[in-house]
Amino acid sequence: MEFWTTEQRGAVAIATFSNPPRNYLVAPAMDEFEQLIEQWRDPSVRAVVIQSRPEDTGFMTHYSVDELYGLISDPTTARYSAAIVRRYKAIFDRLQALPKVIIAAMNGDTMGGAFELTLACDLRIGEKGDYRYGNPELRVGLIPGAGATQRLTRLIGVSRAIEWVLRARIVKPEVALELDLVHEVVDDAPARALELAEEIASFPPKAVANAKVAVYLGADTNLQAGFEIENMQWTEVMQSDDAQLALQAYIAEGLDARRDWFESASSKRYPAYSGQ
């Protein structure tokens, strides 16, 4: 691949983006990213970290404005540009639907289409530094088109989302944390993302997958329907081999050690789960 390098550490797949000199997101990079999503369906991958090289400028700075201008400067391609962003939104939908945790390690500027990509991740880890996150599309006469207007509304509410989009805001990582756009801001986002990925990868895979379904599908419906979605996911995991194994491991700890078994530090000694 030209824009992505990948490695697997245990059950964690790490995808590193690079497109010097400004790390702009471009169509060929999205084509490669789509291929990666299909690779991550492999059951041996139980968590994914998306990051950039620390020596590059930007996590994925934003989608290439030069490429966008090439689209709108031709009436024919401008008229059919909806198909392009519709495809990108579909790619992000498939990313979010993967039955494993997806973590964005935002170790650089992350704006526009790149920020939309992170909104399709389960966890977003910001990094301290002179970085900017946001959706500046209105400043160049566009609007977010790959899902941000809808994902933001569900993430931070209509009031904050409309202000965010209409002001075309870009903010420092610490402000993004205040707005609940990222989950943490740390000194080293890739290192923290890997730590979280390894922890969640140690959990029973079926439980991780079903928890995602319950949260995301439930968020798009009414409360009672959400309860039913949750109940269906609960019933599935209750019949899994991994649930029996995990519960047995907990019981075997003995009464005095059980609380410690729940602590993150104990996750490295959890049983080896089959995903069944």
C-alpha atoms as a PDB file:
ATOM      1  CA  MET A   1       0.000   0.000   0.000  1.00  0.00           C
ATOM      2  CA  GLU A   2       1.129   3.538  -0.737  1.00  0.00           C
ATOM      3  CA  PHE A   3      -0.508   5.412   2.131  1.00  0.00           C
ATOM      4  CA  TRP A   4      -0.882   2.853   4.916  1.00  0.00           C
ATOM      5  CA  THR A   5       1.488   0.558   6.753  1.00  0.00           C
ATOM      6  CA  THR A   6       0.097  -2.133   9.013  1.00  0.00           C
ATOM      7  CA  GLU A   7       1.307  -4.401  11.759  1.00  0.00           C
ATOM      8  CA  GLN A   8      -0.330  -6.715  14.252  1.00  0.00           C
ATOM      9  CA  ARG A   9       0.684  -6.879  17.885  1.00  0.00           C
ATOM     10  CA  GLY A  10      -1.039  -9.877  19.341  1.00  0.00           C
ATOM     11  CA  ALA A  11      -4.737  -9.331  18.736  1.00  0.00           C
ATOM     12  CA  VAL A  12      -4.334  -5.621  17.908  1.00  0.00           C
ATOM     13  CA  ALA A  13      -4.027  -4.374  14.318  1.00  0.00           C
ATOM     14  CA  ILE A  14      -2.233  -1.031  13.936  1.00  0.00           C
ATOM     15  CA  ALA A  15      -2.717   1.027  10.776  1.00  0.00           C
ATOM     16  CA  THR A  16      -0.392   3.983  10.257  1.00  0.00           C
ATOM     17  CA  PHE A  17      -1.229   6.676   7.707  1.00  0.00           C
ATOM     18  CA  SER A  18       1.399   8.714   5.871  1.00  0.00           C
ATOM     19  CA  ASN A  19       1.053  11.134   2.971  1.00  0.00           C
ATOM     20  CA  PRO A  20       3.811  13.756   3.165  1.00  0.00           C
ATOM     21  CA  PRO A  21       4.254  16.635   3.178  1.00  0.00           C
ATOM     22  CA  ARG A  22       0.890  17.562   4.783  1.00  0.00           C
ATOM     23  CA  ASN A  23      -0.771  14.192   5.376  1.00  0.00           C
ATOM     24  CA  TYR A  24      -3.868  15.073   3.380  1.00  0.00           C
ATOM     25  CA  LEU A  25      -6.488  12.388   2.960  1.00  0.00           C
ATOM     26  CA  VAL A  26      -7.005  11.577  -0.737  1.00  0.00           C
ATOM     27  CA  ALA A  27      -9.156   9.208  -2.785  1.00  0.00           C
ATOM     28  CA  PRO A  28      -6.465   6.508  -3.284  1.00  0.00           C
ATOM     29  CA  ALA A  29      -5.843   6.488   0.478  1.00  0.00           C
ATOM     30  CA  MET A  30      -9.549   5.908   1.035  1.00  0.00           C
ATOM     31  CA  ASP A  31      -9.456   3.023  -1.461  1.00  0.00           C
ATOM     32  CA  GLU A  32      -6.670   1.432   0.567  1.00  0.00           C
ATOM     33  CA  PHE A  33      -8.504   2.107   3.828  1.00  0.00           C
ATOM     34  CA  GLU A  34     -11.538   0.265   2.488  1.00  0.00           C
ATOM     35  CA  GLN A  35      -9.308  -2.750   1.845  1.00  0.00           C
ATOM     36  CA  LEU A  36      -7.989  -2.583   5.402  1.00  0.00           C
ATOM     37  CA  ILE A  37     -11.498  -2.688   6.846  1.00  0.00           C
ATOM     38  CA  GLU A  38     -12.091  -5.968   5.029  1.00  0.00           C
ATOM     39  CA  GLN A  39      -8.824  -7.349   6.401  1.00  0.00           C
ATOM     40  CA  TRP A  40      -9.864  -6.395   9.938  1.00  0.00           C
ATOM     41  CA  ARG A  41     -12.847  -8.736   9.721  1.00  0.00           C
ATOM     42  CA  ASP A  42     -10.374 -11.527  10.478  1.00  0.00           C
ATOM     43  CA  PRO A  43     -11.321 -12.961  13.913  1.00  0.00           C
ATOM     44  CA  SER A  44      -7.650 -12.888  14.933  1.00  0.00           C
ATOM     45  CA  VAL A  45      -7.968  -9.089  14.992  1.00  0.00           C
ATOM     46  CA  ARG A  46      -9.802  -8.093  18.147  1.00  0.00           C
ATOM     47  CA  ALA A  47      -8.959  -4.385  18.231  1.00  0.00           C
ATOM     48  CA  VAL A  48      -7.726  -1.759  15.766  1.00  0.00           C
ATOM     49  CA  VAL A  49      -5.623   1.373  16.296  1.00  0.00           C
ATOM     50  CA  ILE A  50      -5.496   4.043  13.575  1.00  0.00           C
ATOM     51  CA  GLN A  51      -2.630   6.537  13.806  1.00  0.00           C
ATOM     52  CA  SER A  52      -0.075   8.507  11.809  1.00  0.00           C
ATOM     53  CA  ARG A  53       3.705   8.591  11.904  1.00  0.00           C
ATOM     54  CA  PRO A  54       4.925  11.037  14.581  1.00  0.00           C
ATOM     55  CA  GLU A  55       7.327  12.624  12.094  1.00  0.00           C
ATOM     56  CA  ASP A  56       4.500  13.545   9.689  1.00  0.00           C
ATOM     57  CA  THR A  57       2.381  16.700   9.835  1.00  0.00           C
ATOM     58  CA  GLY A  58      -1.109  15.815  10.961  1.00  0.00           C
ATOM     59  CA  PHE A  59      -2.931  12.644  11.948  1.00  0.00           C
ATOM     60  CA  MET A  60      -4.849  13.019   8.706  1.00  0.00           C
ATOM     61  CA  THR A  61      -4.832  16.789   8.327  1.00  0.00           C
ATOM     62  CA  HIS A  62      -8.034  16.940   6.267  1.00  0.00           C
ATOM     63  CA  TYR A  63      -9.333  15.752   2.923  1.00  0.00           C
ATOM     64  CA  SER A  64      -7.352  17.262   0.046  1.00  0.00           C
ATOM     65  CA  VAL A  65      -8.898  20.630  -0.868  1.00  0.00           C
ATOM     66  CA  ASP A  66      -7.063  20.492  -4.175  1.00  0.00           C
ATOM     67  CA  GLU A  67      -8.863  17.247  -4.985  1.00  0.00           C
ATOM     68  CA  LEU A  68     -12.222  18.728  -3.970  1.00  0.00           C
ATOM     69  CA  TYR A  69     -11.616  21.772  -6.155  1.00  0.00           C
ATOM     70  CA  GLY A  70     -10.901  19.437  -9.057  1.00  0.00           C
ATOM     71  CA  LEU A  71     -14.380  17.989  -8.538  1.00  0.00           C
ATOM     72  CA  ILE A  72     -16.330  21.244  -8.341  1.00  0.00           C
ATOM     73  CA  SER A  73     -14.438  22.992 -11.142  1.00  0.00           C
ATOM     74  CA  ASP A  74     -16.044  20.571 -13.595  1.00  0.00           C
ATOM     75  CA  PRO A  75     -19.878  20.801 -13.646  1.00  0.00           C
ATOM     76  CA  THR A  76     -20.159  17.130 -14.522  1.00  0.00           C
ATOM     77  CA  THR A  77     -18.124  15.825 -11.598  1.00  0.00           C
ATOM     78  CA  ALA A  78     -19.636  18.426  -9.221  1.00  0.00           C
ATOM     79  CA  ARG A  79     -23.133  17.225 -10.075  1.00  0.00           C
ATOM     80  CA  TYR A  80     -22.270  13.641  -9.214  1.00  0.00           C
ATOM     81  CA  SER A  81     -20.016  14.335  -6.230  1.00  0.00           C
ATOM     82  CA  ALA A  82     -22.756  13.059  -3.899  1.00  0.00           C
ATOM     83  CA  ALA A  83     -21.856   9.524  -4.936  1.00  0.00           C
ATOM     84  CA  ILE A  84     -18.308  10.076  -3.705  1.00  0.00           C
ATOM     85  CA  VAL A  85     -19.210  11.199  -0.182  1.00  0.00           C
ATOM     86  CA  ARG A  86     -21.980   8.608  -0.032  1.00  0.00           C
ATOM     87  CA  ARG A  87     -19.338   5.948  -0.664  1.00  0.00           C
ATOM     88  CA  TYR A  88     -17.065   7.420   2.023  1.00  0.00           C
ATOM     89  CA  LYS A  89     -19.926   7.438   4.510  1.00  0.00           C
ATOM     90  CA  ALA A  90     -20.581   3.791   3.662  1.00  0.00           C
ATOM     91  CA  ILE A  91     -16.906   3.014   4.308  1.00  0.00           C
ATOM     92  CA  PHE A  92     -17.137   4.718   7.694  1.00  0.00           C
ATOM     93  CA  ASP A  93     -20.340   2.813   8.446  1.00  0.00           C
ATOM     94  CA  ARG A  94     -18.539  -0.466   7.766  1.00  0.00           C
ATOM     95  CA  LEU A  95     -15.681   0.658   9.995  1.00  0.00           C
ATOM     96  CA  GLN A  96     -18.031   1.383  12.891  1.00  0.00           C
ATOM     97  CA  ALA A  97     -19.925  -1.866  12.338  1.00  0.00           C
ATOM     98  CA  LEU A  98     -16.828  -4.030  12.772  1.00  0.00           C
ATOM     99  CA  PRO A  99     -17.430  -6.322  15.770  1.00  0.00           C
ATOM    100  CA  LYS A 100     -14.337  -5.083  17.600  1.00  0.00           C
ATOM    101  CA  VAL A 101     -13.107  -1.846  19.134  1.00  0.00           C
ATOM    102  CA  ILE A 102     -11.720   0.791  16.739  1.00  0.00           C
ATOM    103  CA  ILE A 103      -9.523   3.479  18.305  1.00  0.00           C
ATOM    104  CA  ALA A 104      -8.284   6.684  16.642  1.00  0.00           C
ATOM    105  CA  ALA A 105      -4.968   7.926  18.013  1.00  0.00           C
ATOM    106  CA  MET A 106      -5.236  11.559  16.911  1.00  0.00           C
ATOM    107  CA  ASN A 107      -1.563  12.490  17.039  1.00  0.00           C
ATOM    108  CA  GLY A 108      -1.805  15.540  14.779  1.00  0.00           C
ATOM    109  CA  ASP A 109      -4.231  17.877  13.020  1.00  0.00           C
ATOM    110  CA  THR A 110      -7.535  16.107  12.288  1.00  0.00           C
ATOM    111  CA  MET A 111     -10.091  18.146  10.347  1.00  0.00           C
ATOM    112  CA  GLY A 112     -12.819  17.799   7.748  1.00  0.00           C
ATOM    113  CA  GLY A 113     -13.082  14.353   6.212  1.00  0.00           C
ATOM    114  CA  ALA A 114     -10.367  13.048   8.527  1.00  0.00           C
ATOM    115  CA  PHE A 115     -12.364  14.143  11.558  1.00  0.00           C
ATOM    116  CA  GLU A 116     -15.404  12.419  10.046  1.00  0.00           C
ATOM    117  CA  LEU A 117     -13.376   9.215   9.905  1.00  0.00           C
ATOM    118  CA  THR A 118     -12.580   9.462  13.619  1.00  0.00           C
ATOM    119  CA  LEU A 119     -16.271   9.973  14.429  1.00  0.00           C
ATOM    120  CA  ALA A 120     -16.848   6.462  13.062  1.00  0.00           C
ATOM    121  CA  CYS A 121     -14.307   5.076  15.542  1.00  0.00           C
ATOM    122  CA  ASP A 122     -15.414   3.835  18.940  1.00  0.00           C
ATOM    123  CA  LEU A 123     -12.770   5.706  20.931  1.00  0.00           C
ATOM    124  CA  ARG A 124     -10.900   8.890  20.058  1.00  0.00           C
ATOM    125  CA  ILE A 125      -7.671   9.642  21.900  1.00  0.00           C
ATOM    126  CA  GLY A 126      -6.361  13.181  21.523  1.00  0.00           C
ATOM    127  CA  GLU A 127      -2.767  14.231  21.960  1.00  0.00           C
ATOM    128  CA  LYS A 128      -1.363  17.276  23.717  1.00  0.00           C
ATOM    129  CA  GLY A 129       0.262  19.699  21.315  1.00  0.00           C
ATOM    130  CA  ASP A 130      -0.376  22.498  18.840  1.00  0.00           C
ATOM    131  CA  TYR A 131      -3.007  20.456  16.998  1.00  0.00           C
ATOM    132  CA  ARG A 132      -6.480  21.241  15.666  1.00  0.00           C
ATOM    133  CA  TYR A 133      -9.575  19.046  15.399  1.00  0.00           C
ATOM    134  CA  GLY A 134     -12.742  20.113  13.669  1.00  0.00           C
ATOM    135  CA  ASN A 135     -15.030  20.607  10.706  1.00  0.00           C
ATOM    136  CA  PRO A 136     -14.031  23.785   8.807  1.00  0.00           C
ATOM    137  CA  GLU A 137     -15.986  22.853   5.667  1.00  0.00           C
ATOM    138  CA  LEU A 138     -18.275  25.904   5.637  1.00  0.00           C
ATOM    139  CA  ARG A 139     -15.225  28.170   5.400  1.00  0.00           C
ATOM    140  CA  VAL A 140     -14.541  26.780   1.920  1.00  0.00           C
ATOM    141  CA  GLY A 141     -18.172  26.835   0.829  1.00  0.00           C
ATOM    142  CA  LEU A 142     -18.959  23.193   1.592  1.00  0.00           C
ATOM    143  CA  ILE A 143     -20.590  21.219   4.397  1.00  0.00           C
ATOM    144  CA  PRO A 144     -19.471  18.007   6.084  1.00  0.00           C
ATOM    145  CA  GLY A 145     -20.624  15.292   3.704  1.00  0.00           C
ATOM    146  CA  ALA A 146     -19.407  11.930   4.980  1.00  0.00           C
ATOM    147  CA  GLY A 147     -21.646  11.655   8.026  1.00  0.00           C
ATOM    148  CA  ALA A 148     -20.390  14.287  10.471  1.00  0.00           C
ATOM    149  CA  THR A 149     -23.620  16.315  10.674  1.00  0.00           C
ATOM    150  CA  GLN A 150     -25.468  13.173  11.787  1.00  0.00           C
ATOM    151  CA  ARG A 151     -22.803  11.531  13.937  1.00  0.00           C
ATOM    152  CA  LEU A 152     -22.091  14.814  15.735  1.00  0.00           C
ATOM    153  CA  THR A 153     -25.780  15.363  16.472  1.00  0.00           C
ATOM    154  CA  ARG A 154     -25.966  11.949  18.110  1.00  0.00           C
ATOM    155  CA  LEU A 155     -22.651  12.422  19.882  1.00  0.00           C
ATOM    156  CA  ILE A 156     -22.968  15.902  21.396  1.00  0.00           C
ATOM    157  CA  GLY A 157     -26.622  16.853  20.746  1.00  0.00           C
ATOM    158  CA  VAL A 158     -28.351  19.136  18.261  1.00  0.00           C
ATOM    159  CA  SER A 159     -27.515  22.411  20.046  1.00  0.00           C
ATOM    160  CA  ARG A 160     -23.771  21.831  20.160  1.00  0.00           C
ATOM    161  CA  ALA A 161     -23.658  20.167  16.736  1.00  0.00           C
ATOM    162  CA  ILE A 162     -25.355  23.053  14.916  1.00  0.00           C
ATOM    163  CA  GLU A 163     -23.020  25.569  16.543  1.00  0.00           C
ATOM    164  CA  TRP A 164     -20.030  23.387  15.685  1.00  0.00           C
ATOM    165  CA  VAL A 165     -20.998  23.013  12.025  1.00  0.00           C
ATOM    166  CA  LEU A 166     -22.233  26.564  11.365  1.00  0.00           C
ATOM    167  CA  ARG A 167     -19.163  28.148  12.929  1.00  0.00           C
ATOM    168  CA  ALA A 168     -16.934  25.684  11.063  1.00  0.00           C
ATOM    169  CA  ARG A 169     -15.098  25.221  14.307  1.00  0.00           C
ATOM    170  CA  ILE A 170     -11.629  23.870  14.756  1.00  0.00           C
ATOM    171  CA  VAL A 171     -10.360  23.528  18.318  1.00  0.00           C
ATOM    172  CA  LYS A 172      -7.342  22.430  20.299  1.00  0.00           C
ATOM    173  CA  PRO A 173      -7.381  18.910  21.775  1.00  0.00           C
ATOM    174  CA  GLU A 174      -8.219  20.164  25.261  1.00  0.00           C
ATOM    175  CA  VAL A 175     -11.339  21.965  24.000  1.00  0.00           C
ATOM    176  CA  ALA A 176     -12.358  18.858  22.051  1.00  0.00           C
ATOM    177  CA  LEU A 177     -12.192  16.966  25.348  1.00  0.00           C
ATOM    178  CA  GLU A 178     -14.448  19.541  27.042  1.00  0.00           C
ATOM    179  CA  LEU A 179     -16.961  19.101  24.205  1.00  0.00           C
ATOM    180  CA  ASP A 180     -16.859  15.271  24.528  1.00  0.00           C
ATOM    181  CA  LEU A 181     -15.463  14.937  21.007  1.00  0.00           C
ATOM    182  CA  VAL A 182     -12.482  12.935  22.266  1.00  0.00           C
ATOM    183  CA  HIS A 183     -12.362  10.593  25.232  1.00  0.00           C
ATOM    184  CA  GLU A 184      -8.906  11.504  26.524  1.00  0.00           C
ATOM    185  CA  VAL A 185      -6.047  13.895  25.797  1.00  0.00           C
ATOM    186  CA  VAL A 186      -2.637  12.415  26.571  1.00  0.00           C
ATOM    187  CA  ASP A 187       1.050  12.966  25.872  1.00  0.00           C
ATOM    188  CA  ASP A 188       1.301  10.003  23.479  1.00  0.00           C
ATOM    189  CA  ALA A 189      -1.958   9.109  21.740  1.00  0.00           C
ATOM    190  CA  PRO A 190      -0.691   6.014  19.866  1.00  0.00           C
ATOM    191  CA  ALA A 191       0.773   4.524  23.062  1.00  0.00           C
ATOM    192  CA  ARG A 192      -2.443   5.129  25.004  1.00  0.00           C
ATOM    193  CA  ALA A 193      -4.574   3.826  22.132  1.00  0.00           C
ATOM    194  CA  LEU A 194      -2.530   0.622  22.023  1.00  0.00           C
ATOM    195  CA  GLU A 195      -2.902   0.219  25.785  1.00  0.00           C
ATOM    196  CA  LEU A 196      -6.690   0.529  25.545  1.00  0.00           C
ATOM    197  CA  ALA A 197      -6.824  -1.717  22.485  1.00  0.00           C
ATOM    198  CA  GLU A 198      -4.877  -4.465  24.251  1.00  0.00           C
ATOM    199  CA  GLU A 199      -7.129  -4.216  27.287  1.00  0.00           C
ATOM    200  CA  ILE A 200     -10.389  -4.468  25.315  1.00  0.00           C
ATOM    201  CA  ALA A 201      -8.914  -7.164  23.051  1.00  0.00           C
ATOM    202  CA  SER A 202      -8.519  -9.302  26.173  1.00  0.00           C
ATOM    203  CA  PHE A 203     -12.290  -9.281  26.749  1.00  0.00           C
ATOM    204  CA  PRO A 204     -14.600 -11.946  25.284  1.00  0.00           C
ATOM    205  CA  PRO A 205     -15.001 -10.912  21.603  1.00  0.00           C
ATOM    206  CA  LYS A 206     -18.700 -11.747  21.459  1.00  0.00           C
ATOM    207  CA  ALA A 207     -19.377  -9.439  24.389  1.00  0.00           C
ATOM    208  CA  VAL A 208     -17.474  -6.585  22.721  1.00  0.00           C
ATOM    209  CA  ALA A 209     -19.329  -7.071  19.442  1.00  0.00           C
ATOM    210  CA  ASN A 210     -22.776  -7.269  21.044  1.00  0.00           C
ATOM    211  CA  ALA A 211     -22.139  -4.282  23.284  1.00  0.00           C
ATOM    212  CA  LYS A 212     -21.388  -2.183  20.193  1.00  0.00           C
ATOM    213  CA  VAL A 213     -24.611  -3.303  18.529  1.00  0.00           C
ATOM    214  CA  ALA A 214     -26.643  -2.503  21.635  1.00  0.00           C
ATOM    215  CA  VAL A 215     -25.191   0.995  22.019  1.00  0.00           C
ATOM    216  CA  TYR A 216     -25.202   2.086  18.378  1.00  0.00           C
ATOM    217  CA  LEU A 217     -28.523   0.608  17.304  1.00  0.00           C
ATOM    218  CA  GLY A 218     -30.160   1.629  20.548  1.00  0.00           C
ATOM    219  CA  ALA A 219     -29.021   5.224  20.126  1.00  0.00           C
ATOM    220  CA  ASP A 220     -30.967   5.457  16.860  1.00  0.00           C
ATOM    221  CA  THR A 221     -34.334   4.404  18.244  1.00  0.00           C
ATOM    222  CA  ASN A 222     -36.696   5.032  21.166  1.00  0.00           C
ATOM    223  CA  LEU A 223     -35.993   3.838  24.694  1.00  0.00           C
ATOM    224  CA  GLN A 224     -38.260   0.799  24.705  1.00  0.00           C
ATOM    225  CA  ALA A 225     -36.972  -0.385  21.342  1.00  0.00           C
ATOM    226  CA  GLY A 226     -33.454   0.132  22.662  1.00  0.00           C
ATOM    227  CA  PHE A 227     -34.233  -2.101  25.628  1.00  0.00           C
ATOM    228  CA  GLU A 228     -35.318  -4.830  23.228  1.00  0.00           C
ATOM    229  CA  ILE A 229     -32.113  -4.491  21.213  1.00  0.00           C
ATOM    230  CA  GLU A 230     -30.112  -4.743  24.424  1.00  0.00           C
ATOM    231  CA  ASN A 231     -32.079  -7.811  25.520  1.00  0.00           C
ATOM    232  CA  MET A 232     -31.389  -9.596  22.227  1.00  0.00           C
ATOM    233  CA  GLN A 233     -27.649  -8.905  22.517  1.00  0.00           C
ATOM    234  CA  TRP A 234     -27.677 -10.004  26.180  1.00  0.00           C
ATOM    235  CA  THR A 235     -29.408 -13.269  25.298  1.00  0.00           C
ATOM    236  CA  GLU A 236     -26.797 -14.049  22.652  1.00  0.00           C
ATOM    237  CA  VAL A 237     -23.796 -13.507  24.912  1.00  0.00           C
ATOM    238  CA  MET A 238     -25.435 -15.460  27.738  1.00  0.00           C
ATOM    239  CA  GLN A 239     -25.338 -18.498  25.453  1.00  0.00           C
ATOM    240  CA  SER A 240     -21.684 -18.050  24.464  1.00  0.00           C
ATOM    241  CA  ASP A 241     -18.807 -20.303  25.484  1.00  0.00           C
ATOM    242  CA  ASP A 242     -16.757 -17.246  26.405  1.00  0.00           C
ATOM    243  CA  ALA A 243     -19.315 -16.005  28.933  1.00  0.00           C
ATOM    244  CA  GLN A 244     -19.154 -19.353  30.745  1.00  0.00           C
ATOM    245  CA  LEU A 245     -15.363 -19.270  30.707  1.00  0.00           C
ATOM    246  CA  ALA A 246     -15.200 -15.681  31.978  1.00  0.00           C
ATOM    247  CA  LEU A 247     -17.717 -16.278  34.757  1.00  0.00           C
ATOM    248  CA  GLN A 248     -15.873 -19.421  35.831  1.00  0.00           C
ATOM    249  CA  ALA A 249     -12.590 -17.491  35.930  1.00  0.00           C
ATOM    250  CA  TYR A 250     -14.177 -14.814  38.097  1.00  0.00           C
ATOM    251  CA  ILE A 251     -15.688 -17.322  40.526  1.00  0.00           C
ATOM    252  CA  ALA A 252     -12.355 -19.158  40.792  1.00  0.00           C
ATOM    253  CA  GLU A 253     -10.672 -16.010  42.080  1.00  0.00           C
ATOM    254  CA  GLY A 254     -12.235 -16.370  45.508  1.00  0.00           C
ATOM    255  CA  LEU A 255     -14.232 -13.778  47.380  1.00  0.00           C
ATOM    256  CA  ASP A 256     -11.341 -11.560  48.480  1.00  0.00           C
ATOM    257  CA  ALA A 257      -9.750 -11.301  45.006  1.00  0.00           C
ATOM    258  CA  ARG A 258     -12.838 -10.768  42.908  1.00  0.00           C
ATOM    259  CA  ARG A 259     -12.876  -6.974  42.952  1.00  0.00           C
ATOM    260  CA  ASP A 260      -9.245  -6.876  41.811  1.00  0.00           C
ATOM    261  CA  TRP A 261     -10.128  -9.195  38.907  1.00  0.00           C
ATOM    262  CA  PHE A 262     -12.301  -6.407  37.486  1.00  0.00           C
ATOM    263  CA  GLU A 263      -9.440  -3.881  37.497  1.00  0.00           C
ATOM    264  CA  SER A 264      -7.760  -3.021  34.203  1.00  0.00           C
ATOM    265  CA  ALA A 265      -4.407  -4.204  35.505  1.00  0.00           C
ATOM    266  CA  SER A 266      -5.812  -7.731  35.799  1.00  0.00           C
ATOM    267  CA  SER A 267      -6.903  -7.970  32.157  1.00  0.00           C
ATOM    268  CA  LYS A 268      -3.558  -9.415  31.068  1.00  0.00           C
ATOM    269  CA  ARG A 269      -4.332 -12.619  32.996  1.00  0.00           C
ATOM    270  CA  TYR A 270      -7.844 -13.152  31.675  1.00  0.00           C
ATOM    271  CA  PRO A 271      -8.562 -16.499  29.973  1.00  0.00           C
ATOM    272  CA  ALA A 272      -7.885 -16.993  26.270  1.00  0.00           C
ATOM    273  CA  TYR A 273     -11.325 -16.555  24.737  1.00  0.00           C
ATOM    274  CA  SER A 274     -12.411 -18.344  21.574  1.00  0.00           C
ATOM    275  CA  GLY A 275     -14.945 -15.796  20.336  1.00  0.00           C
ATOM    276  CA  GLN A 276     -17.697 -18.422  20.438  1.00  0.00           C
END
